[in-house]
Amino acid sequence: VTTKYHRAAFESAVGEVDNSMRLSLNYETNIGSLATEGTRSDTILFRILGDIPVRTVLGQALNIPESVQTLSLERQAEIFTERLSNAGIRNPQDLSSRESIDKIIRRYQAM
């Protein structure tokens, strides 16, 4: 509990200086619990679509326009799947790997 509190306080303090860094830290912390092994791919995508900070980082890293949010959830999930595949991530469960986390954060920070 103390570790989670310190992590959240750190993310908040960083966010006061650089919001994109706060979102990156949030992504790093939360993607593992959203993209767990053994969970269906569509379930993972719906979890990501429902987590605004994670969705923001992933969407910007994959160059998905914000206007996509007006589409049905099913269509949004299809678009995210296509863009993940184009980025070399074939399975949403792979988003929780250290390599994928680093790749997405680097792409997000470069945008």
PDB file of N, CA and C in Angstrom:
ATOM      1  N   VAL A   1       0.831  -1.185   0.000  1.00  0.00           N
ATOM      2  CA  VAL A   1       0.000   0.000   0.000  1.00  0.00           C
ATOM      3  C   VAL A   1       0.875   1.247   0.000  1.00  0.00           C
ATOM      4  N   THR A   2       1.903   1.258   0.835  1.00  0.00           N
ATOM      5  CA  THR A   2       2.792   2.416   0.919  1.00  0.00           C
ATOM      6  C   THR A   2       3.501   2.652  -0.409  1.00  0.00           C
ATOM      7  N   THR A   3       3.936   1.586  -1.052  1.00  0.00           N
ATOM      8  CA  THR A   3       4.618   1.710  -2.330  1.00  0.00           C
ATOM      9  C   THR A   3       3.691   2.308  -3.379  1.00  0.00           C
ATOM     10  N   LYS A   4       2.437   1.839  -3.415  1.00  0.00           N
ATOM     11  CA  LYS A   4       1.473   2.374  -4.371  1.00  0.00           C
ATOM     12  C   LYS A   4       1.205   3.856  -4.108  1.00  0.00           C
ATOM     13  N   TYR A   5       1.126   4.218  -2.843  1.00  0.00           N
ATOM     14  CA  TYR A   5       0.908   5.620  -2.480  1.00  0.00           C
ATOM     15  C   TYR A   5       2.073   6.482  -2.955  1.00  0.00           C
ATOM     16  N   HIS A   6       3.298   6.025  -2.696  1.00  0.00           N
ATOM     17  CA  HIS A   6       4.479   6.781  -3.103  1.00  0.00           C
ATOM     18  C   HIS A   6       4.553   6.893  -4.629  1.00  0.00           C
ATOM     19  N   ARG A   7       4.215   5.817  -5.314  1.00  0.00           N
ATOM     20  CA  ARG A   7       4.219   5.831  -6.783  1.00  0.00           C
ATOM     21  C   ARG A   7       3.201   6.834  -7.301  1.00  0.00           C
ATOM     22  N   ALA A   8       1.988   6.818  -6.737  1.00  0.00           N
ATOM     23  CA  ALA A   8       0.943   7.760  -7.163  1.00  0.00           C
ATOM     24  C   ALA A   8       1.339   9.199  -6.854  1.00  0.00           C
ATOM     25  N   ALA A   9       1.942   9.428  -5.700  1.00  0.00           N
ATOM     26  CA  ALA A   9       2.387  10.777  -5.334  1.00  0.00           C
ATOM     27  C   ALA A   9       3.484  11.248  -6.286  1.00  0.00           C
ATOM     28  N   PHE A  10       4.381  10.344  -6.647  1.00  0.00           N
ATOM     29  CA  PHE A  10       5.448  10.676  -7.583  1.00  0.00           C
ATOM     30  C   PHE A  10       4.863  11.026  -8.951  1.00  0.00           C
ATOM     31  N   GLU A  11       3.922  10.198  -9.454  1.00  0.00           N
ATOM     32  CA  GLU A  11       3.289  10.464 -10.745  1.00  0.00           C
ATOM     33  C   GLU A  11       2.592  11.818 -10.731  1.00  0.00           C
ATOM     34  N   SER A  12       1.912  12.124  -9.638  1.00  0.00           N
ATOM     35  CA  SER A  12       1.213  13.398  -9.520  1.00  0.00           C
ATOM     36  C   SER A  12       2.200  14.567  -9.547  1.00  0.00           C
ATOM     37  N   ALA A  13       3.293  14.441  -8.806  1.00  0.00           N
ATOM     38  CA  ALA A  13       4.300  15.508  -8.770  1.00  0.00           C
ATOM     39  C   ALA A  13       4.934  15.702 -10.148  1.00  0.00           C
ATOM     40  N   VAL A  14       5.225  14.615 -10.832  1.00  0.00           N
ATOM     41  CA  VAL A  14       5.790  14.692 -12.180  1.00  0.00           C
ATOM     42  C   VAL A  14       4.783  15.347 -13.124  1.00  0.00           C
ATOM     43  N   GLY A  15       3.511  15.014 -12.960  1.00  0.00           N
ATOM     44  CA  GLY A  15       2.458  15.563 -13.807  1.00  0.00           C
ATOM     45  C   GLY A  15       2.314  17.069 -13.687  1.00  0.00           C
ATOM     46  N   GLU A  16       2.679  17.615 -12.541  1.00  0.00           N
ATOM     47  CA  GLU A  16       2.620  19.063 -12.373  1.00  0.00           C
ATOM     48  C   GLU A  16       3.666  19.756 -13.236  1.00  0.00           C
ATOM     49  N   VAL A  17       4.738  19.042 -13.564  1.00  0.00           N
ATOM     50  CA  VAL A  17       5.812  19.597 -14.386  1.00  0.00           C
ATOM     51  C   VAL A  17       5.637  19.194 -15.848  1.00  0.00           C
ATOM     52  N   ASP A  18       5.302  17.932 -16.101  1.00  0.00           N
ATOM     53  CA  ASP A  18       5.216  17.400 -17.463  1.00  0.00           C
ATOM     54  C   ASP A  18       4.110  16.339 -17.520  1.00  0.00           C
ATOM     55  N   ASN A  19       2.956  16.720 -18.055  1.00  0.00           N
ATOM     56  CA  ASN A  19       1.806  15.812 -18.081  1.00  0.00           C
ATOM     57  C   ASN A  19       2.066  14.570 -18.939  1.00  0.00           C
ATOM     58  N   SER A  20       2.832  14.711 -20.015  1.00  0.00           N
ATOM     59  CA  SER A  20       3.099  13.535 -20.854  1.00  0.00           C
ATOM     60  C   SER A  20       3.946  12.511 -20.098  1.00  0.00           C
ATOM     61  N   MET A  21       4.821  12.983 -19.241  1.00  0.00           N
ATOM     62  CA  MET A  21       5.614  12.056 -18.430  1.00  0.00           C
ATOM     63  C   MET A  21       4.729  11.357 -17.399  1.00  0.00           C
ATOM     64  N   ARG A  22       3.778  12.099 -16.814  1.00  0.00           N
ATOM     65  CA  ARG A  22       2.840  11.495 -15.865  1.00  0.00           C
ATOM     66  C   ARG A  22       2.035  10.401 -16.548  1.00  0.00           C
ATOM     67  N   LEU A  23       1.540  10.690 -17.756  1.00  0.00           N
ATOM     68  CA  LEU A  23       0.775   9.685 -18.490  1.00  0.00           C
ATOM     69  C   LEU A  23       1.633   8.468 -18.831  1.00  0.00           C
ATOM     70  N   SER A  24       2.894   8.695 -19.169  1.00  0.00           N
ATOM     71  CA  SER A  24       3.805   7.583 -19.463  1.00  0.00           C
ATOM     72  C   SER A  24       4.010   6.699 -18.235  1.00  0.00           C
ATOM     73  N   LEU A  25       4.211   7.325 -17.087  1.00  0.00           N
ATOM     74  CA  LEU A  25       4.372   6.560 -15.846  1.00  0.00           C
ATOM     75  C   LEU A  25       3.104   5.788 -15.506  1.00  0.00           C
ATOM     76  N   ASN A  26       1.949   6.424 -15.718  1.00  0.00           N
ATOM     77  CA  ASN A  26       0.676   5.759 -15.472  1.00  0.00           C
ATOM     78  C   ASN A  26       0.525   4.545 -16.389  1.00  0.00           C
ATOM     79  N   TYR A  27       0.879   4.718 -17.659  1.00  0.00           N
ATOM     80  CA  TYR A  27       0.807   3.621 -18.616  1.00  0.00           C
ATOM     81  C   TYR A  27       1.678   2.454 -18.147  1.00  0.00           C
ATOM     82  N   GLU A  28       2.899   2.775 -17.783  1.00  0.00           N
ATOM     83  CA  GLU A  28       3.837   1.743 -17.331  1.00  0.00           C
ATOM     84  C   GLU A  28       3.303   0.986 -16.121  1.00  0.00           C
ATOM     85  N   THR A  29       2.642   1.706 -15.217  1.00  0.00           N
ATOM     86  CA  THR A  29       2.103   1.098 -14.002  1.00  0.00           C
ATOM     87  C   THR A  29       0.872   0.237 -14.281  1.00  0.00           C
ATOM     88  N   ASN A  30       0.000   0.694 -15.172  1.00  0.00           N
ATOM     89  CA  ASN A  30      -1.320   0.068 -15.314  1.00  0.00           C
ATOM     90  C   ASN A  30      -1.483  -0.921 -16.463  1.00  0.00           C
ATOM     91  N   ILE A  31      -0.650  -0.858 -17.494  1.00  0.00           N
ATOM     92  CA  ILE A  31      -0.882  -1.730 -18.650  1.00  0.00           C
ATOM     93  C   ILE A  31      -0.777  -3.210 -18.286  1.00  0.00           C
ATOM     94  N   GLY A  32       0.073  -3.549 -17.345  1.00  0.00           N
ATOM     95  CA  GLY A  32       0.227  -4.952 -16.955  1.00  0.00           C
ATOM     96  C   GLY A  32      -1.048  -5.558 -16.400  1.00  0.00           C
ATOM     97  N   SER A  33      -1.792  -4.774 -15.620  1.00  0.00           N
ATOM     98  CA  SER A  33      -3.038  -5.308 -15.054  1.00  0.00           C
ATOM     99  C   SER A  33      -4.163  -5.334 -16.089  1.00  0.00           C
ATOM    100  N   LEU A  34      -4.055  -4.522 -17.134  1.00  0.00           N
ATOM    101  CA  LEU A  34      -5.088  -4.509 -18.177  1.00  0.00           C
ATOM    102  C   LEU A  34      -4.857  -5.602 -19.213  1.00  0.00           C
ATOM    103  N   ALA A  35      -3.601  -5.876 -19.503  1.00  0.00           N
ATOM    104  CA  ALA A  35      -3.246  -6.836 -20.553  1.00  0.00           C
ATOM    105  C   ALA A  35      -2.679  -8.114 -19.950  1.00  0.00           C
ATOM    106  N   THR A  36      -3.460  -8.762 -19.111  1.00  0.00           N
ATOM    107  CA  THR A  36      -2.979  -9.949 -18.411  1.00  0.00           C
ATOM    108  C   THR A  36      -3.034 -11.188 -19.303  1.00  0.00           C
ATOM    109  N   GLU A  37      -2.083 -12.079 -19.083  1.00  0.00           N
ATOM    110  CA  GLU A  37      -2.038 -13.354 -19.801  1.00  0.00           C
ATOM    111  C   GLU A  37      -3.335 -14.122 -19.576  1.00  0.00           C
ATOM    112  N   GLY A  38      -3.767 -14.829 -20.595  1.00  0.00           N
ATOM    113  CA  GLY A  38      -4.937 -15.677 -20.466  1.00  0.00           C
ATOM    114  C   GLY A  38      -6.260 -14.956 -20.635  1.00  0.00           C
ATOM    115  N   THR A  39      -6.215 -13.652 -20.812  1.00  0.00           N
ATOM    116  CA  THR A  39      -7.430 -12.869 -21.028  1.00  0.00           C
ATOM    117  C   THR A  39      -7.647 -12.730 -22.528  1.00  0.00           C
ATOM    118  N   ARG A  40      -8.900 -12.785 -22.944  1.00  0.00           N
ATOM    119  CA  ARG A  40      -9.214 -12.656 -24.371  1.00  0.00           C
ATOM    120  C   ARG A  40      -8.767 -11.295 -24.897  1.00  0.00           C
ATOM    121  N   SER A  41      -8.339 -11.282 -26.144  1.00  0.00           N
ATOM    122  CA  SER A  41      -7.838 -10.057 -26.771  1.00  0.00           C
ATOM    123  C   SER A  41      -8.871  -8.943 -26.768  1.00  0.00           C
ATOM    124  N   ASP A  42     -10.123  -9.266 -27.085  1.00  0.00           N
ATOM    125  CA  ASP A  42     -11.141  -8.208 -27.124  1.00  0.00           C
ATOM    126  C   ASP A  42     -11.416  -7.648 -25.728  1.00  0.00           C
ATOM    127  N   THR A  43     -11.321  -8.483 -24.707  1.00  0.00           N
ATOM    128  CA  THR A  43     -11.498  -8.011 -23.330  1.00  0.00           C
ATOM    129  C   THR A  43     -10.393  -7.031 -22.961  1.00  0.00           C
ATOM    130  N   ILE A  44      -9.170  -7.353 -23.337  1.00  0.00           N
ATOM    131  CA  ILE A  44      -8.041  -6.455 -23.067  1.00  0.00           C
ATOM    132  C   ILE A  44      -8.265  -5.114 -23.763  1.00  0.00           C
ATOM    133  N   LEU A  45      -8.659  -5.157 -25.016  1.00  0.00           N
ATOM    134  CA  LEU A  45      -8.870  -3.912 -25.757  1.00  0.00           C
ATOM    135  C   LEU A  45      -9.984  -3.078 -25.134  1.00  0.00           C
ATOM    136  N   PHE A  46     -11.061  -3.704 -24.686  1.00  0.00           N
ATOM    137  CA  PHE A  46     -12.141  -2.951 -24.054  1.00  0.00           C
ATOM    138  C   PHE A  46     -11.684  -2.354 -22.720  1.00  0.00           C
ATOM    139  N   ARG A  47     -10.841  -3.079 -21.985  1.00  0.00           N
ATOM    140  CA  ARG A  47     -10.272  -2.532 -20.743  1.00  0.00           C
ATOM    141  C   ARG A  47      -9.428  -1.295 -21.053  1.00  0.00           C
ATOM    142  N   ILE A  48      -8.606  -1.390 -22.087  1.00  0.00           N
ATOM    143  CA  ILE A  48      -7.751  -0.262 -22.478  1.00  0.00           C
ATOM    144  C   ILE A  48      -8.595   0.922 -22.910  1.00  0.00           C
ATOM    145  N   LEU A  49      -9.632   0.668 -23.700  1.00  0.00           N
ATOM    146  CA  LEU A  49     -10.500   1.754 -24.159  1.00  0.00           C
ATOM    147  C   LEU A  49     -11.202   2.450 -22.995  1.00  0.00           C
ATOM    148  N   GLY A  50     -11.409   1.727 -21.904  1.00  0.00           N
ATOM    149  CA  GLY A  50     -12.071   2.292 -20.732  1.00  0.00           C
ATOM    150  C   GLY A  50     -11.135   2.988 -19.757  1.00  0.00           C
ATOM    151  N   ASP A  51      -9.840   2.864 -19.960  1.00  0.00           N
ATOM    152  CA  ASP A  51      -8.858   3.500 -19.076  1.00  0.00           C
ATOM    153  C   ASP A  51      -8.276   4.699 -19.822  1.00  0.00           C
ATOM    154  N   ILE A  52      -8.786   5.888 -19.544  1.00  0.00           N
ATOM    155  CA  ILE A  52      -8.463   7.078 -20.323  1.00  0.00           C
ATOM    156  C   ILE A  52      -6.959   7.369 -20.397  1.00  0.00           C
ATOM    157  N   PRO A  53      -6.209   7.358 -19.268  1.00  0.00           N
ATOM    158  CA  PRO A  53      -4.773   7.631 -19.399  1.00  0.00           C
ATOM    159  C   PRO A  53      -4.033   6.598 -20.265  1.00  0.00           C
ATOM    160  N   VAL A  54      -4.345   5.325 -20.089  1.00  0.00           N
ATOM    161  CA  VAL A  54      -3.697   4.281 -20.884  1.00  0.00           C
ATOM    162  C   VAL A  54      -4.110   4.410 -22.341  1.00  0.00           C
ATOM    163  N   ARG A  55      -5.379   4.633 -22.572  1.00  0.00           N
ATOM    164  CA  ARG A  55      -5.886   4.810 -23.938  1.00  0.00           C
ATOM    165  C   ARG A  55      -5.215   6.007 -24.615  1.00  0.00           C
ATOM    166  N   THR A  56      -5.028   7.093 -23.862  1.00  0.00           N
ATOM    167  CA  THR A  56      -4.405   8.297 -24.412  1.00  0.00           C
ATOM    168  C   THR A  56      -2.992   8.005 -24.885  1.00  0.00           C
ATOM    169  N   VAL A  57      -2.209   7.358 -24.033  1.00  0.00           N
ATOM    170  CA  VAL A  57      -0.819   7.039 -24.398  1.00  0.00           C
ATOM    171  C   VAL A  57      -0.789   6.102 -25.593  1.00  0.00           C
ATOM    172  N   LEU A  58      -1.547   5.021 -25.531  1.00  0.00           N
ATOM    173  CA  LEU A  58      -1.534   4.038 -26.606  1.00  0.00           C
ATOM    174  C   LEU A  58      -2.055   4.639 -27.905  1.00  0.00           C
ATOM    175  N   GLY A  59      -3.146   5.388 -27.824  1.00  0.00           N
ATOM    176  CA  GLY A  59      -3.715   6.003 -29.018  1.00  0.00           C
ATOM    177  C   GLY A  59      -2.756   6.966 -29.692  1.00  0.00           C
ATOM    178  N   GLN A  60      -2.091   7.793 -28.900  1.00  0.00           N
ATOM    179  CA  GLN A  60      -1.136   8.742 -29.490  1.00  0.00           C
ATOM    180  C   GLN A  60       0.100   8.030 -30.016  1.00  0.00           C
ATOM    181  N   ALA A  61       0.566   7.001 -29.295  1.00  0.00           N
ATOM    182  CA  ALA A  61       1.727   6.240 -29.756  1.00  0.00           C
ATOM    183  C   ALA A  61       1.448   5.549 -31.085  1.00  0.00           C
ATOM    184  N   LEU A  62       0.198   5.149 -31.289  1.00  0.00           N
ATOM    185  CA  LEU A  62      -0.184   4.457 -32.523  1.00  0.00           C
ATOM    186  C   LEU A  62      -0.747   5.410 -33.571  1.00  0.00           C
ATOM    187  N   ASN A  63      -0.703   6.717 -33.258  1.00  0.00           N
ATOM    188  CA  ASN A  63      -1.177   7.756 -34.176  1.00  0.00           C
ATOM    189  C   ASN A  63      -2.650   7.572 -34.552  1.00  0.00           C
ATOM    190  N   ILE A  64      -3.460   7.280 -33.550  1.00  0.00           N
ATOM    191  CA  ILE A  64      -4.904   7.122 -33.740  1.00  0.00           C
ATOM    192  C   ILE A  64      -5.563   8.457 -33.410  1.00  0.00           C
ATOM    193  N   PRO A  65      -6.295   9.041 -34.348  1.00  0.00           N
ATOM    194  CA  PRO A  65      -6.910  10.344 -34.092  1.00  0.00           C
ATOM    195  C   PRO A  65      -7.978  10.268 -32.999  1.00  0.00           C
ATOM    196  N   GLU A  66      -8.127  11.362 -32.254  1.00  0.00           N
ATOM    197  CA  GLU A  66      -9.123  11.409 -31.179  1.00  0.00           C
ATOM    198  C   GLU A  66     -10.540  11.223 -31.704  1.00  0.00           C
ATOM    199  N   SER A  67     -10.784  11.569 -32.958  1.00  0.00           N
ATOM    200  CA  SER A  67     -12.125  11.432 -33.536  1.00  0.00           C
ATOM    201  C   SER A  67     -12.602   9.987 -33.559  1.00  0.00           C
ATOM    202  N   VAL A  68     -11.688   9.029 -33.435  1.00  0.00           N
ATOM    203  CA  VAL A  68     -12.048   7.604 -33.405  1.00  0.00           C
ATOM    204  C   VAL A  68     -12.959   7.319 -32.211  1.00  0.00           C
ATOM    205  N   GLN A  69     -12.852   8.130 -31.157  1.00  0.00           N
ATOM    206  CA  GLN A  69     -13.656   7.919 -29.957  1.00  0.00           C
ATOM    207  C   GLN A  69     -15.152   8.029 -30.220  1.00  0.00           C
ATOM    208  N   THR A  70     -15.540   8.629 -31.332  1.00  0.00           N
ATOM    209  CA  THR A  70     -16.964   8.753 -31.654  1.00  0.00           C
ATOM    210  C   THR A  70     -17.527   7.484 -32.293  1.00  0.00           C
ATOM    211  N   LEU A  71     -16.659   6.557 -32.659  1.00  0.00           N
ATOM    212  CA  LEU A  71     -17.090   5.300 -33.277  1.00  0.00           C
ATOM    213  C   LEU A  71     -17.540   4.304 -32.208  1.00  0.00           C
ATOM    214  N   SER A  72     -18.176   3.240 -32.633  1.00  0.00           N
ATOM    215  CA  SER A  72     -18.584   2.191 -31.694  1.00  0.00           C
ATOM    216  C   SER A  72     -17.349   1.583 -31.044  1.00  0.00           C
ATOM    217  N   LEU A  73     -17.520   1.030 -29.854  1.00  0.00           N
ATOM    218  CA  LEU A  73     -16.390   0.401 -29.155  1.00  0.00           C
ATOM    219  C   LEU A  73     -15.792  -0.736 -29.977  1.00  0.00           C
ATOM    220  N   GLU A  74     -16.646  -1.484 -30.653  1.00  0.00           N
ATOM    221  CA  GLU A  74     -16.168  -2.601 -31.464  1.00  0.00           C
ATOM    222  C   GLU A  74     -15.254  -2.092 -32.581  1.00  0.00           C
ATOM    223  N   ARG A  75     -15.675  -1.002 -33.241  1.00  0.00           N
ATOM    224  CA  ARG A  75     -14.863  -0.428 -34.321  1.00  0.00           C
ATOM    225  C   ARG A  75     -13.559   0.152 -33.769  1.00  0.00           C
ATOM    226  N   GLN A  76     -13.633   0.799 -32.611  1.00  0.00           N
ATOM    227  CA  GLN A  76     -12.423   1.328 -31.983  1.00  0.00           C
ATOM    228  C   GLN A  76     -11.443   0.193 -31.688  1.00  0.00           C
ATOM    229  N   ALA A  77     -11.957  -0.908 -31.158  1.00  0.00           N
ATOM    230  CA  ALA A  77     -11.100  -2.063 -30.850  1.00  0.00           C
ATOM    231  C   ALA A  77     -10.445  -2.598 -32.124  1.00  0.00           C
ATOM    232  N   GLU A  78     -11.189  -2.625 -33.226  1.00  0.00           N
ATOM    233  CA  GLU A  78     -10.628  -3.077 -34.499  1.00  0.00           C
ATOM    234  C   GLU A  78      -9.493  -2.162 -34.950  1.00  0.00           C
ATOM    235  N   ILE A  79      -9.691  -0.861 -34.808  1.00  0.00           N
ATOM    236  CA  ILE A  79      -8.671   0.105 -35.216  1.00  0.00           C
ATOM    237  C   ILE A  79      -7.419  -0.057 -34.356  1.00  0.00           C
ATOM    238  N   PHE A  80      -7.595  -0.182 -33.053  1.00  0.00           N
ATOM    239  CA  PHE A  80      -6.445  -0.386 -32.165  1.00  0.00           C
ATOM    240  C   PHE A  80      -5.720  -1.674 -32.534  1.00  0.00           C
ATOM    241  N   THR A  81      -6.465  -2.743 -32.825  1.00  0.00           N
ATOM    242  CA  THR A  81      -5.853  -4.021 -33.213  1.00  0.00           C
ATOM    243  C   THR A  81      -5.023  -3.859 -34.478  1.00  0.00           C
ATOM    244  N   GLU A  82      -5.573  -3.166 -35.478  1.00  0.00           N
ATOM    245  CA  GLU A  82      -4.854  -2.936 -36.736  1.00  0.00           C
ATOM    246  C   GLU A  82      -3.572  -2.151 -36.500  1.00  0.00           C
ATOM    247  N   ARG A  83      -3.672  -1.092 -35.704  1.00  0.00           N
ATOM    248  CA  ARG A  83      -2.505  -0.239 -35.457  1.00  0.00           C
ATOM    249  C   ARG A  83      -1.454  -0.967 -34.614  1.00  0.00           C
ATOM    250  N   LEU A  84      -1.896  -1.781 -33.661  1.00  0.00           N
ATOM    251  CA  LEU A  84      -0.946  -2.574 -32.882  1.00  0.00           C
ATOM    252  C   LEU A  84      -0.184  -3.530 -33.798  1.00  0.00           C
ATOM    253  N   SER A  85      -0.911  -4.170 -34.704  1.00  0.00           N
ATOM    254  CA  SER A  85      -0.291  -5.097 -35.644  1.00  0.00           C
ATOM    255  C   SER A  85       0.727  -4.371 -36.520  1.00  0.00           C
ATOM    256  N   ASN A  86       0.361  -3.173 -36.987  1.00  0.00           N
ATOM    257  CA  ASN A  86       1.282  -2.376 -37.801  1.00  0.00           C
ATOM    258  C   ASN A  86       2.541  -2.004 -37.022  1.00  0.00           C
ATOM    259  N   ALA A  87       2.413  -1.871 -35.708  1.00  0.00           N
ATOM    260  CA  ALA A  87       3.557  -1.531 -34.845  1.00  0.00           C
ATOM    261  C   ALA A  87       4.345  -2.769 -34.421  1.00  0.00           C
ATOM    262  N   GLY A  88       3.942  -3.939 -34.917  1.00  0.00           N
ATOM    263  CA  GLY A  88       4.665  -5.169 -34.594  1.00  0.00           C
ATOM    264  C   GLY A  88       4.194  -5.863 -33.338  1.00  0.00           C
ATOM    265  N   ILE A  89       3.049  -5.453 -32.806  1.00  0.00           N
ATOM    266  CA  ILE A  89       2.486  -6.088 -31.608  1.00  0.00           C
ATOM    267  C   ILE A  89       1.273  -6.879 -32.070  1.00  0.00           C
ATOM    268  N   ARG A  90       1.432  -8.170 -32.205  1.00  0.00           N
ATOM    269  CA  ARG A  90       0.390  -9.029 -32.799  1.00  0.00           C
ATOM    270  C   ARG A  90      -0.737  -9.384 -31.835  1.00  0.00           C
ATOM    271  N   ASN A  91      -0.439  -9.380 -30.539  1.00  0.00           N
ATOM    272  CA  ASN A  91      -1.416  -9.822 -29.552  1.00  0.00           C
ATOM    273  C   ASN A  91      -1.491  -8.795 -28.423  1.00  0.00           C
ATOM    274  N   PRO A  92      -2.685  -8.343 -28.043  1.00  0.00           N
ATOM    275  CA  PRO A  92      -2.796  -7.346 -26.964  1.00  0.00           C
ATOM    276  C   PRO A  92      -2.152  -7.783 -25.646  1.00  0.00           C
ATOM    277  N   GLN A  93      -2.072  -9.094 -25.382  1.00  0.00           N
ATOM    278  CA  GLN A  93      -1.406  -9.555 -24.163  1.00  0.00           C
ATOM    279  C   GLN A  93       0.069  -9.148 -24.153  1.00  0.00           C
ATOM    280  N   ASP A  94       0.639  -9.004 -25.339  1.00  0.00           N
ATOM    281  CA  ASP A  94       2.050  -8.633 -25.449  1.00  0.00           C
ATOM    282  C   ASP A  94       2.320  -7.205 -24.974  1.00  0.00           C
ATOM    283  N   LEU A  95       1.268  -6.400 -24.824  1.00  0.00           N
ATOM    284  CA  LEU A  95       1.448  -5.023 -24.358  1.00  0.00           C
ATOM    285  C   LEU A  95       2.057  -4.961 -22.962  1.00  0.00           C
ATOM    286  N   SER A  96       1.918  -6.035 -22.192  1.00  0.00           N
ATOM    287  CA  SER A  96       2.449  -6.023 -20.829  1.00  0.00           C
ATOM    288  C   SER A  96       3.925  -6.418 -20.763  1.00  0.00           C
ATOM    289  N   SER A  97       4.517  -6.792 -21.903  1.00  0.00           N
ATOM    290  CA  SER A  97       5.944  -7.143 -21.898  1.00  0.00           C
ATOM    291  C   SER A  97       6.778  -5.874 -21.754  1.00  0.00           C
ATOM    292  N   ARG A  98       7.912  -5.982 -21.123  1.00  0.00           N
ATOM    293  CA  ARG A  98       8.805  -4.826 -20.911  1.00  0.00           C
ATOM    294  C   ARG A  98       9.164  -4.179 -22.241  1.00  0.00           C
ATOM    295  N   GLU A  99       9.436  -5.013 -23.257  1.00  0.00           N
ATOM    296  CA  GLU A  99       9.808  -4.508 -24.579  1.00  0.00           C
ATOM    297  C   GLU A  99       8.681  -3.657 -25.183  1.00  0.00           C
ATOM    298  N   SER A 100       7.443  -4.152 -25.101  1.00  0.00           N
ATOM    299  CA  SER A 100       6.309  -3.413 -25.653  1.00  0.00           C
ATOM    300  C   SER A 100       6.027  -2.133 -24.871  1.00  0.00           C
ATOM    301  N   ILE A 101       6.137  -2.210 -23.554  1.00  0.00           N
ATOM    302  CA  ILE A 101       5.923  -1.018 -22.721  1.00  0.00           C
ATOM    303  C   ILE A 101       6.916   0.067 -23.125  1.00  0.00           C
ATOM    304  N   ASP A 102       8.182  -0.293 -23.231  1.00  0.00           N
ATOM    305  CA  ASP A 102       9.209   0.684 -23.612  1.00  0.00           C
ATOM    306  C   ASP A 102       8.957   1.238 -25.016  1.00  0.00           C
ATOM    307  N   LYS A 103       8.571   0.355 -25.926  1.00  0.00           N
ATOM    308  CA  LYS A 103       8.316   0.755 -27.312  1.00  0.00           C
ATOM    309  C   LYS A 103       7.168   1.764 -27.382  1.00  0.00           C
ATOM    310  N   ILE A 104       6.079   1.477 -26.691  1.00  0.00           N
ATOM    311  CA  ILE A 104       4.916   2.374 -26.721  1.00  0.00           C
ATOM    312  C   ILE A 104       5.246   3.709 -26.063  1.00  0.00           C
ATOM    313  N   ILE A 105       5.939   3.683 -24.940  1.00  0.00           N
ATOM    314  CA  ILE A 105       6.281   4.941 -24.256  1.00  0.00           C
ATOM    315  C   ILE A 105       7.230   5.780 -25.123  1.00  0.00           C
ATOM    316  N   ARG A 106       8.203   5.152 -25.762  1.00  0.00           N
ATOM    317  CA  ARG A 106       9.102   5.911 -26.639  1.00  0.00           C
ATOM    318  C   ARG A 106       8.331   6.542 -27.797  1.00  0.00           C
ATOM    319  N   ARG A 107       7.406   5.788 -28.390  1.00  0.00           N
ATOM    320  CA  ARG A 107       6.601   6.326 -29.498  1.00  0.00           C
ATOM    321  C   ARG A 107       5.711   7.475 -29.011  1.00  0.00           C
ATOM    322  N   TYR A 108       5.125   7.315 -27.831  1.00  0.00           N
ATOM    323  CA  TYR A 108       4.270   8.357 -27.279  1.00  0.00           C
ATOM    324  C   TYR A 108       5.072   9.631 -27.000  1.00  0.00           C
ATOM    325  N   GLN A 109       6.237   9.475 -26.382  1.00  0.00           N
ATOM    326  CA  GLN A 109       7.058  10.637 -26.067  1.00  0.00           C
ATOM    327  C   GLN A 109       7.574  11.332 -27.332  1.00  0.00           C
ATOM    328  N   ALA A 110       7.726  10.589 -28.427  1.00  0.00           N
ATOM    329  CA  ALA A 110       8.207  11.170 -29.681  1.00  0.00           C
ATOM    330  C   ALA A 110       7.117  11.955 -30.409  1.00  0.00           C
ATOM    331  N   MET A 111       5.869  11.702 -30.074  1.00  0.00           N
ATOM    332  CA  MET A 111       4.762  12.372 -30.780  1.00  0.00           C
ATOM    333  C   MET A 111       4.601  13.805 -30.341  1.00  0.00           C
TER     334      MET A 111
END
